[in-house]
Amino acid sequence: MNDLLPKGEDLRRAIRWMSAHIEEHPDKTLHKLVDEAVFQFDLSPKDADFLIDFYHQAMKKTDS
């Protein structure tokens, strides 16, 4: 199935999924949500690192 998606689409879907789940489940840690996204969207370790960095940066901006 992933062969049919444009490059990077799985990561974009994971970001949308995580953004929704962060709001719905504020009790879950970022790393737990990343683990779930990696499994659900078949992401690489590099993609997982990107998600962690992306949300750490986003959280820093909202804390300022």
PDB file of N, CA and C in Angstrom:
ATOM      1  N   MET A   1       0.828  -1.195   0.000  1.00  0.00           N
ATOM      2  CA  MET A   1       0.000   0.000   0.000  1.00  0.00           C
ATOM      3  C   MET A   1       0.869   1.255   0.000  1.00  0.00           C
ATOM      4  N   ASN A   2       1.953   1.267   0.798  1.00  0.00           N
ATOM      5  CA  ASN A   2       2.800   2.451   0.863  1.00  0.00           C
ATOM      6  C   ASN A   2       3.449   2.762  -0.475  1.00  0.00           C
ATOM      7  N   ASP A   3       3.579   1.759  -1.368  1.00  0.00           N
ATOM      8  CA  ASP A   3       4.161   2.010  -2.677  1.00  0.00           C
ATOM      9  C   ASP A   3       3.267   2.919  -3.517  1.00  0.00           C
ATOM     10  N   LEU A   4       2.001   2.978  -3.191  1.00  0.00           N
ATOM     11  CA  LEU A   4       1.064   3.789  -3.955  1.00  0.00           C
ATOM     12  C   LEU A   4       0.998   5.237  -3.470  1.00  0.00           C
ATOM     13  N   LEU A   5       1.530   5.505  -2.289  1.00  0.00           N
ATOM     14  CA  LEU A   5       1.477   6.851  -1.726  1.00  0.00           C
ATOM     15  C   LEU A   5       2.678   7.673  -2.186  1.00  0.00           C
ATOM     16  N   PRO A   6       2.494   8.963  -2.385  1.00  0.00           N
ATOM     17  CA  PRO A   6       3.631   9.822  -2.713  1.00  0.00           C
ATOM     18  C   PRO A   6       4.643   9.820  -1.568  1.00  0.00           C
ATOM     19  N   LYS A   7       5.893  10.051  -1.905  1.00  0.00           N
ATOM     20  CA  LYS A   7       6.945  10.058  -0.888  1.00  0.00           C
ATOM     21  C   LYS A   7       6.615  11.075   0.207  1.00  0.00           C
ATOM     22  N   GLY A   8       6.687  10.645   1.449  1.00  0.00           N
ATOM     23  CA  GLY A   8       6.437  11.518   2.586  1.00  0.00           C
ATOM     24  C   GLY A   8       4.989  11.575   3.033  1.00  0.00           C
ATOM     25  N   GLU A   9       4.094  10.989   2.279  1.00  0.00           N
ATOM     26  CA  GLU A   9       2.668  11.056   2.639  1.00  0.00           C
ATOM     27  C   GLU A   9       2.397  10.329   3.949  1.00  0.00           C
ATOM     28  N   ASP A  10       3.088   9.223   4.191  1.00  0.00           N
ATOM     29  CA  ASP A  10       2.884   8.498   5.447  1.00  0.00           C
ATOM     30  C   ASP A  10       3.289   9.348   6.645  1.00  0.00           C
ATOM     31  N   LEU A  11       4.332  10.129   6.498  1.00  0.00           N
ATOM     32  CA  LEU A  11       4.757  11.017   7.578  1.00  0.00           C
ATOM     33  C   LEU A  11       3.752  12.148   7.786  1.00  0.00           C
ATOM     34  N   ARG A  12       3.225  12.707   6.710  1.00  0.00           N
ATOM     35  CA  ARG A  12       2.193  13.754   6.841  1.00  0.00           C
ATOM     36  C   ARG A  12       0.949  13.204   7.529  1.00  0.00           C
ATOM     37  N   ARG A  13       0.559  12.008   7.179  1.00  0.00           N
ATOM     38  CA  ARG A  13      -0.598  11.390   7.842  1.00  0.00           C
ATOM     39  C   ARG A  13      -0.326  11.157   9.322  1.00  0.00           C
ATOM     40  N   ALA A  14       0.885  10.750   9.635  1.00  0.00           N
ATOM     41  CA  ALA A  14       1.254  10.524  11.036  1.00  0.00           C
ATOM     42  C   ALA A  14       1.194  11.828  11.823  1.00  0.00           C
ATOM     43  N   ILE A  15       1.639  12.918  11.231  1.00  0.00           N
ATOM     44  CA  ILE A  15       1.590  14.221  11.917  1.00  0.00           C
ATOM     45  C   ILE A  15       0.146  14.628  12.180  1.00  0.00           C
ATOM     46  N   ARG A  16      -0.719  14.457  11.190  1.00  0.00           N
ATOM     47  CA  ARG A  16      -2.146  14.785  11.402  1.00  0.00           C
ATOM     48  C   ARG A  16      -2.739  13.902  12.497  1.00  0.00           C
ATOM     49  N   TRP A  17      -2.419  12.621  12.469  1.00  0.00           N
ATOM     50  CA  TRP A  17      -2.929  11.672  13.461  1.00  0.00           C
ATOM     51  C   TRP A  17      -2.436  12.050  14.855  1.00  0.00           C
ATOM     52  N   MET A  18      -1.131  12.342  14.955  1.00  0.00           N
ATOM     53  CA  MET A  18      -0.577  12.694  16.265  1.00  0.00           C
ATOM     54  C   MET A  18      -1.164  13.991  16.799  1.00  0.00           C
ATOM     55  N   SER A  19      -1.337  14.971  15.932  1.00  0.00           N
ATOM     56  CA  SER A  19      -1.900  16.252  16.378  1.00  0.00           C
ATOM     57  C   SER A  19      -3.290  16.058  16.976  1.00  0.00           C
ATOM     58  N   ALA A  20      -4.087  15.235  16.345  1.00  0.00           N
ATOM     59  CA  ALA A  20      -5.422  14.946  16.872  1.00  0.00           C
ATOM     60  C   ALA A  20      -5.333  14.191  18.193  1.00  0.00           C
ATOM     61  N   HIS A  21      -4.429  13.226  18.283  1.00  0.00           N
ATOM     62  CA  HIS A  21      -4.328  12.414  19.496  1.00  0.00           C
ATOM     63  C   HIS A  21      -3.704  13.169  20.660  1.00  0.00           C
ATOM     64  N   ILE A  22      -2.842  14.130  20.390  1.00  0.00           N
ATOM     65  CA  ILE A  22      -2.269  14.934  21.474  1.00  0.00           C
ATOM     66  C   ILE A  22      -3.384  15.697  22.185  1.00  0.00           C
ATOM     67  N   GLU A  23      -4.323  16.228  21.420  1.00  0.00           N
ATOM     68  CA  GLU A  23      -5.438  16.962  22.012  1.00  0.00           C
ATOM     69  C   GLU A  23      -6.424  16.030  22.709  1.00  0.00           C
ATOM     70  N   GLU A  24      -6.674  14.859  22.124  1.00  0.00           N
ATOM     71  CA  GLU A  24      -7.640  13.922  22.683  1.00  0.00           C
ATOM     72  C   GLU A  24      -7.105  13.163  23.899  1.00  0.00           C
ATOM     73  N   HIS A  25      -5.796  12.937  23.940  1.00  0.00           N
ATOM     74  CA  HIS A  25      -5.180  12.151  25.013  1.00  0.00           C
ATOM     75  C   HIS A  25      -3.994  12.902  25.618  1.00  0.00           C
ATOM     76  N   PRO A  26      -4.260  13.990  26.335  1.00  0.00           N
ATOM     77  CA  PRO A  26      -3.149  14.772  26.888  1.00  0.00           C
ATOM     78  C   PRO A  26      -2.336  14.009  27.943  1.00  0.00           C
ATOM     79  N   ASP A  27      -2.873  12.905  28.442  1.00  0.00           N
ATOM     80  CA  ASP A  27      -2.169  12.123  29.449  1.00  0.00           C
ATOM     81  C   ASP A  27      -1.083  11.231  28.845  1.00  0.00           C
ATOM     82  N   LYS A  28      -1.127  10.980  27.537  1.00  0.00           N
ATOM     83  CA  LYS A  28      -0.121  10.136  26.886  1.00  0.00           C
ATOM     84  C   LYS A  28       1.139  10.943  26.617  1.00  0.00           C
ATOM     85  N   THR A  29       2.271  10.299  26.806  1.00  0.00           N
ATOM     86  CA  THR A  29       3.536  10.977  26.540  1.00  0.00           C
ATOM     87  C   THR A  29       3.781  11.082  25.044  1.00  0.00           C
ATOM     88  N   LEU A  30       4.617  12.014  24.677  1.00  0.00           N
ATOM     89  CA  LEU A  30       4.984  12.200  23.277  1.00  0.00           C
ATOM     90  C   LEU A  30       5.609  10.924  22.710  1.00  0.00           C
ATOM     91  N   HIS A  31       6.479  10.303  23.486  1.00  0.00           N
ATOM     92  CA  HIS A  31       7.155   9.095  23.005  1.00  0.00           C
ATOM     93  C   HIS A  31       6.176   7.940  22.808  1.00  0.00           C
ATOM     94  N   LYS A  32       5.173   7.841  23.638  1.00  0.00           N
ATOM     95  CA  LYS A  32       4.155   6.792  23.469  1.00  0.00           C
ATOM     96  C   LYS A  32       3.374   7.031  22.178  1.00  0.00           C
ATOM     97  N   LEU A  33       3.002   8.278  21.923  1.00  0.00           N
ATOM     98  CA  LEU A  33       2.278   8.591  20.694  1.00  0.00           C
ATOM     99  C   LEU A  33       3.143   8.357  19.456  1.00  0.00           C
ATOM    100  N   VAL A  34       4.424   8.687  19.546  1.00  0.00           N
ATOM    101  CA  VAL A  34       5.331   8.428  18.426  1.00  0.00           C
ATOM    102  C   VAL A  34       5.431   6.930  18.178  1.00  0.00           C
ATOM    103  N   ASP A  35       5.557   6.148  19.232  1.00  0.00           N
ATOM    104  CA  ASP A  35       5.607   4.686  19.073  1.00  0.00           C
ATOM    105  C   ASP A  35       4.351   4.171  18.368  1.00  0.00           C
ATOM    106  N   GLU A  36       3.197   4.673  18.755  1.00  0.00           N
ATOM    107  CA  GLU A  36       1.948   4.253  18.124  1.00  0.00           C
ATOM    108  C   GLU A  36       1.900   4.678  16.660  1.00  0.00           C
ATOM    109  N   ALA A  37       2.361   5.887  16.363  1.00  0.00           N
ATOM    110  CA  ALA A  37       2.374   6.375  14.987  1.00  0.00           C
ATOM    111  C   ALA A  37       3.332   5.560  14.120  1.00  0.00           C
ATOM    112  N   VAL A  38       4.494   5.209  14.666  1.00  0.00           N
ATOM    113  CA  VAL A  38       5.460   4.393  13.927  1.00  0.00           C
ATOM    114  C   VAL A  38       4.824   3.066  13.535  1.00  0.00           C
ATOM    115  N   PHE A  39       4.136   2.460  14.465  1.00  0.00           N
ATOM    116  CA  PHE A  39       3.497   1.177  14.190  1.00  0.00           C
ATOM    117  C   PHE A  39       2.350   1.327  13.192  1.00  0.00           C
ATOM    118  N   GLN A  40       1.504   2.321  13.405  1.00  0.00           N
ATOM    119  CA  GLN A  40       0.307   2.489  12.567  1.00  0.00           C
ATOM    120  C   GLN A  40       0.655   2.884  11.131  1.00  0.00           C
ATOM    121  N   PHE A  41       1.677   3.719  10.958  1.00  0.00           N
ATOM    122  CA  PHE A  41       1.994   4.243   9.635  1.00  0.00           C
ATOM    123  C   PHE A  41       3.266   3.628   9.042  1.00  0.00           C
ATOM    124  N   ASP A  42       3.818   2.623   9.706  1.00  0.00           N
ATOM    125  CA  ASP A  42       4.997   1.901   9.226  1.00  0.00           C
ATOM    126  C   ASP A  42       6.141   2.874   8.921  1.00  0.00           C
ATOM    127  N   LEU A  43       6.469   3.692   9.919  1.00  0.00           N
ATOM    128  CA  LEU A  43       7.497   4.707   9.752  1.00  0.00           C
ATOM    129  C   LEU A  43       8.874   4.165  10.086  1.00  0.00           C
ATOM    130  N   SER A  44       9.872   4.802   9.549  1.00  0.00           N
ATOM    131  CA  SER A  44      11.261   4.425   9.805  1.00  0.00           C
ATOM    132  C   SER A  44      11.740   5.061  11.116  1.00  0.00           C
ATOM    133  N   PRO A  45      12.869   4.590  11.644  1.00  0.00           N
ATOM    134  CA  PRO A  45      13.438   5.248  12.828  1.00  0.00           C
ATOM    135  C   PRO A  45      13.760   6.729  12.566  1.00  0.00           C
ATOM    136  N   LYS A  46      14.175   7.046  11.349  1.00  0.00           N
ATOM    137  CA  LYS A  46      14.445   8.441  10.988  1.00  0.00           C
ATOM    138  C   LYS A  46      13.162   9.265  11.060  1.00  0.00           C
ATOM    139  N   ASP A  47      12.040   8.694  10.602  1.00  0.00           N
ATOM    140  CA  ASP A  47      10.747   9.378  10.693  1.00  0.00           C
ATOM    141  C   ASP A  47      10.352   9.589  12.150  1.00  0.00           C
ATOM    142  N   ALA A  48      10.608   8.594  12.989  1.00  0.00           N
ATOM    143  CA  ALA A  48      10.284   8.710  14.413  1.00  0.00           C
ATOM    144  C   ALA A  48      11.082   9.842  15.048  1.00  0.00           C
ATOM    145  N   ASP A  49      12.371   9.933  14.718  1.00  0.00           N
ATOM    146  CA  ASP A  49      13.196  11.030  15.233  1.00  0.00           C
ATOM    147  C   ASP A  49      12.665  12.383  14.766  1.00  0.00           C
ATOM    148  N   PHE A  50      12.235  12.444  13.509  1.00  0.00           N
ATOM    149  CA  PHE A  50      11.669  13.684  12.985  1.00  0.00           C
ATOM    150  C   PHE A  50      10.427  14.085  13.784  1.00  0.00           C
ATOM    151  N   LEU A  51       9.533  13.116  14.040  1.00  0.00           N
ATOM    152  CA  LEU A  51       8.308  13.425  14.791  1.00  0.00           C
ATOM    153  C   LEU A  51       8.628  13.956  16.184  1.00  0.00           C
ATOM    154  N   ILE A  52       9.580  13.338  16.853  1.00  0.00           N
ATOM    155  CA  ILE A  52       9.962  13.789  18.200  1.00  0.00           C
ATOM    156  C   ILE A  52      10.492  15.214  18.142  1.00  0.00           C
ATOM    157  N   ASP A  53      11.409  15.481  17.205  1.00  0.00           N
ATOM    158  CA  ASP A  53      11.963  16.834  17.074  1.00  0.00           C
ATOM    159  C   ASP A  53      10.885  17.843  16.692  1.00  0.00           C
ATOM    160  N   PHE A  54      10.015  17.458  15.764  1.00  0.00           N
ATOM    161  CA  PHE A  54       8.941  18.337  15.304  1.00  0.00           C
ATOM    162  C   PHE A  54       8.048  18.756  16.476  1.00  0.00           C
ATOM    163  N   TYR A  55       7.635  17.811  17.301  1.00  0.00           N
ATOM    164  CA  TYR A  55       6.736  18.139  18.405  1.00  0.00           C
ATOM    165  C   TYR A  55       7.453  18.801  19.572  1.00  0.00           C
ATOM    166  N   HIS A  56       8.738  18.506  19.770  1.00  0.00           N
ATOM    167  CA  HIS A  56       9.500  19.233  20.794  1.00  0.00           C
ATOM    168  C   HIS A  56       9.593  20.712  20.414  1.00  0.00           C
ATOM    169  N   GLN A  57       9.882  20.996  19.141  1.00  0.00           N
ATOM    170  CA  GLN A  57       9.959  22.385  18.680  1.00  0.00           C
ATOM    171  C   GLN A  57       8.599  23.070  18.801  1.00  0.00           C
ATOM    172  N   ALA A  58       7.549  22.372  18.427  1.00  0.00           N
ATOM    173  CA  ALA A  58       6.200  22.942  18.510  1.00  0.00           C
ATOM    174  C   ALA A  58       5.834  23.254  19.954  1.00  0.00           C
ATOM    175  N   MET A  59       6.219  22.384  20.873  1.00  0.00           N
ATOM    176  CA  MET A  59       5.908  22.603  22.289  1.00  0.00           C
ATOM    177  C   MET A  59       6.690  23.776  22.845  1.00  0.00           C
ATOM    178  N   LYS A  60       7.921  23.955  22.388  1.00  0.00           N
ATOM    179  CA  LYS A  60       8.719  25.097  22.839  1.00  0.00           C
ATOM    180  C   LYS A  60       8.075  26.402  22.396  1.00  0.00           C
ATOM    181  N   LYS A  61       7.539  26.424  21.177  1.00  0.00           N
ATOM    182  CA  LYS A  61       6.909  27.645  20.667  1.00  0.00           C
ATOM    183  C   LYS A  61       5.659  27.995  21.435  1.00  0.00           C
ATOM    184  N   THR A  62       4.895  26.987  21.862  1.00  0.00           N
ATOM    185  CA  THR A  62       3.659  27.252  22.593  1.00  0.00           C
ATOM    186  C   THR A  62       3.935  27.632  24.040  1.00  0.00           C
ATOM    187  N   ASP A  63       5.087  27.196  24.564  1.00  0.00           N
ATOM    188  CA  ASP A  63       5.442  27.539  25.935  1.00  0.00           C
ATOM    189  C   ASP A  63       5.963  28.974  26.068  1.00  0.00           C
ATOM    190  N   SER A  64       6.437  29.538  24.973  1.00  0.00           N
ATOM    191  CA  SER A  64       7.013  30.894  25.002  1.00  0.00           C
ATOM    192  C   SER A  64       5.963  31.955  25.117  1.00  0.00           C
TER     193      SER A  64
END
